[in-house]
Amino acid sequence: MSNHSLPKVSVQHSVATEVDPGAGRAVFITAIINGTDAPIAAGVALSASDDIILGKNTNISFDPPLQCATAETATPATGVTIAYFIARGTRTTGN
């Protein structure tokens, strides 16, 4: 198989901005960084699942990436950064 047929994936990051994967796609989170000195009850707000709670100065890496539900948005709180990519989703509920 030619390398030209492989999917191209690039990891991006978001700080306090909603990540909307669009219909039929999912957000795959590779890392979450809480750069604040306080715990955050909704460190990453998910539109169709429970929010991700973060302790102060927490850094979490996901290998394999954490797949959010298909079409679910992910919004990091102020002071939180997420590294993510968007790909075709297979799950419809849960996180």
C-alpha atoms as a PDB file:
ATOM      1  CA  MET A   1       0.000   0.000   0.000  1.00  0.00           C
ATOM      2  CA  SER A   2       1.260   3.453  -0.855  1.00  0.00           C
ATOM      3  CA  ASN A   3       1.903   5.965   1.937  1.00  0.00           C
ATOM      4  CA  HIS A   4      -0.276   8.376  -0.014  1.00  0.00           C
ATOM      5  CA  SER A   5      -3.385   6.421   0.967  1.00  0.00           C
ATOM      6  CA  LEU A   6      -2.735   6.601   4.725  1.00  0.00           C
ATOM      7  CA  PRO A   7      -4.794   9.159   6.693  1.00  0.00           C
ATOM      8  CA  LYS A   8      -3.048  12.352   7.675  1.00  0.00           C
ATOM      9  CA  VAL A   9      -3.396  13.186  11.384  1.00  0.00           C
ATOM     10  CA  SER A  10      -2.027  16.242  13.119  1.00  0.00           C
ATOM     11  CA  VAL A  11      -2.360  16.973  16.812  1.00  0.00           C
ATOM     12  CA  GLN A  12      -3.639  20.439  17.624  1.00  0.00           C
ATOM     13  CA  HIS A  13      -4.256  22.212  20.912  1.00  0.00           C
ATOM     14  CA  SER A  14      -7.033  24.309  22.391  1.00  0.00           C
ATOM     15  CA  VAL A  15      -7.089  26.716  25.315  1.00  0.00           C
ATOM     16  CA  ALA A  16     -10.594  27.669  26.546  1.00  0.00           C
ATOM     17  CA  THR A  17     -12.068  27.267  23.048  1.00  0.00           C
ATOM     18  CA  GLU A  18     -14.727  24.707  22.113  1.00  0.00           C
ATOM     19  CA  VAL A  19     -13.542  21.899  19.853  1.00  0.00           C
ATOM     20  CA  ASP A  20     -16.391  20.786  17.590  1.00  0.00           C
ATOM     21  CA  PRO A  21     -15.538  17.721  15.497  1.00  0.00           C
ATOM     22  CA  GLY A  22     -18.626  17.971  13.286  1.00  0.00           C
ATOM     23  CA  ALA A  23     -21.075  15.232  12.313  1.00  0.00           C
ATOM     24  CA  GLY A  24     -19.699  11.707  12.074  1.00  0.00           C
ATOM     25  CA  ARG A  25     -16.357  12.630  13.622  1.00  0.00           C
ATOM     26  CA  ALA A  26     -14.953  12.491  17.145  1.00  0.00           C
ATOM     27  CA  VAL A  27     -12.427  14.412  19.226  1.00  0.00           C
ATOM     28  CA  PHE A  28      -9.520  12.218  20.347  1.00  0.00           C
ATOM     29  CA  ILE A  29      -7.737  13.797  23.333  1.00  0.00           C
ATOM     30  CA  THR A  30      -4.026  12.975  23.677  1.00  0.00           C
ATOM     31  CA  ALA A  31      -3.200  15.218  26.645  1.00  0.00           C
ATOM     32  CA  ILE A  32      -4.815  17.540  29.192  1.00  0.00           C
ATOM     33  CA  ILE A  33      -2.811  20.133  31.107  1.00  0.00           C
ATOM     34  CA  ASN A  34      -4.233  22.129  34.034  1.00  0.00           C
ATOM     35  CA  GLY A  35      -1.822  25.038  34.386  1.00  0.00           C
ATOM     36  CA  THR A  36      -3.618  26.534  37.378  1.00  0.00           C
ATOM     37  CA  ASP A  37      -3.020  26.197  41.113  1.00  0.00           C
ATOM     38  CA  ALA A  38      -6.607  25.057  41.731  1.00  0.00           C
ATOM     39  CA  PRO A  39      -8.691  21.938  41.091  1.00  0.00           C
ATOM     40  CA  ILE A  40     -11.246  22.451  38.304  1.00  0.00           C
ATOM     41  CA  ALA A  41     -14.595  20.613  38.498  1.00  0.00           C
ATOM     42  CA  ALA A  42     -15.191  20.998  34.754  1.00  0.00           C
ATOM     43  CA  GLY A  43     -11.609  21.035  33.497  1.00  0.00           C
ATOM     44  CA  VAL A  44     -12.838  19.820  30.134  1.00  0.00           C
ATOM     45  CA  ALA A  45     -16.581  20.255  29.555  1.00  0.00           C
ATOM     46  CA  LEU A  46     -18.007  17.544  27.312  1.00  0.00           C
ATOM     47  CA  SER A  47     -21.361  18.148  25.621  1.00  0.00           C
ATOM     48  CA  ALA A  48     -22.697  14.569  25.793  1.00  0.00           C
ATOM     49  CA  SER A  49     -20.767  13.015  28.720  1.00  0.00           C
ATOM     50  CA  ASP A  50     -19.579  13.818  32.226  1.00  0.00           C
ATOM     51  CA  ASP A  51     -17.035  16.626  32.469  1.00  0.00           C
ATOM     52  CA  ILE A  52     -13.395  15.761  33.144  1.00  0.00           C
ATOM     53  CA  ILE A  53     -12.344  16.900  36.634  1.00  0.00           C
ATOM     54  CA  LEU A  54      -8.745  18.009  37.115  1.00  0.00           C
ATOM     55  CA  GLY A  55      -6.561  18.501  40.177  1.00  0.00           C
ATOM     56  CA  LYS A  56      -4.277  21.514  40.430  1.00  0.00           C
ATOM     57  CA  ASN A  57      -1.252  21.512  38.121  1.00  0.00           C
ATOM     58  CA  THR A  58      -2.375  18.179  36.601  1.00  0.00           C
ATOM     59  CA  ASN A  59      -0.885  16.795  33.391  1.00  0.00           C
ATOM     60  CA  ILE A  60      -2.583  13.739  31.873  1.00  0.00           C
ATOM     61  CA  SER A  61      -1.414  11.904  28.752  1.00  0.00           C
ATOM     62  CA  PHE A  62      -3.599   9.363  26.957  1.00  0.00           C
ATOM     63  CA  ASP A  63      -2.021   6.524  24.987  1.00  0.00           C
ATOM     64  CA  PRO A  64      -4.153   5.396  23.231  1.00  0.00           C
ATOM     65  CA  PRO A  65      -6.019   8.707  22.911  1.00  0.00           C
ATOM     66  CA  LEU A  66      -9.252   9.276  24.844  1.00  0.00           C
ATOM     67  CA  GLN A  67     -12.078   9.145  22.281  1.00  0.00           C
ATOM     68  CA  CYS A  68     -15.057  11.371  23.003  1.00  0.00           C
ATOM     69  CA  ALA A  69     -18.498  10.397  21.726  1.00  0.00           C
ATOM     70  CA  THR A  70     -19.154  11.033  18.039  1.00  0.00           C
ATOM     71  CA  ALA A  71     -20.086  14.700  17.389  1.00  0.00           C
ATOM     72  CA  GLU A  72     -19.462  15.576  21.071  1.00  0.00           C
ATOM     73  CA  THR A  73     -17.770  18.918  21.697  1.00  0.00           C
ATOM     74  CA  ALA A  74     -14.926  19.336  24.191  1.00  0.00           C
ATOM     75  CA  THR A  75     -14.265  22.701  25.842  1.00  0.00           C
ATOM     76  CA  PRO A  76     -11.258  23.200  28.128  1.00  0.00           C
ATOM     77  CA  ALA A  77     -11.762  25.579  31.069  1.00  0.00           C
ATOM     78  CA  THR A  78      -9.693  28.733  31.448  1.00  0.00           C
ATOM     79  CA  GLY A  79      -6.120  27.718  32.275  1.00  0.00           C
ATOM     80  CA  VAL A  80      -6.552  24.227  30.793  1.00  0.00           C
ATOM     81  CA  THR A  81      -4.991  23.089  27.514  1.00  0.00           C
ATOM     82  CA  ILE A  82      -5.986  19.992  25.570  1.00  0.00           C
ATOM     83  CA  ALA A  83      -3.985  18.352  22.795  1.00  0.00           C
ATOM     84  CA  TYR A  84      -6.311  16.584  20.373  1.00  0.00           C
ATOM     85  CA  PHE A  85      -7.032  15.420  16.868  1.00  0.00           C
ATOM     86  CA  ILE A  86     -10.313  14.871  15.040  1.00  0.00           C
ATOM     87  CA  ALA A  87     -11.057  11.663  13.164  1.00  0.00           C
ATOM     88  CA  ARG A  88     -13.990   9.583  12.011  1.00  0.00           C
ATOM     89  CA  GLY A  89     -15.844   8.536  15.155  1.00  0.00           C
ATOM     90  CA  THR A  90     -17.222   5.126  16.014  1.00  0.00           C
ATOM     91  CA  ARG A  91     -18.836   5.743  19.414  1.00  0.00           C
ATOM     92  CA  THR A  92     -22.135   7.536  19.853  1.00  0.00           C
ATOM     93  CA  THR A  93     -22.356   7.933  23.657  1.00  0.00           C
ATOM     94  CA  GLY A  94     -20.056   8.112  26.665  1.00  0.00           C
ATOM     95  CA  ASN A  95     -16.480   9.287  26.867  1.00  0.00           C
END
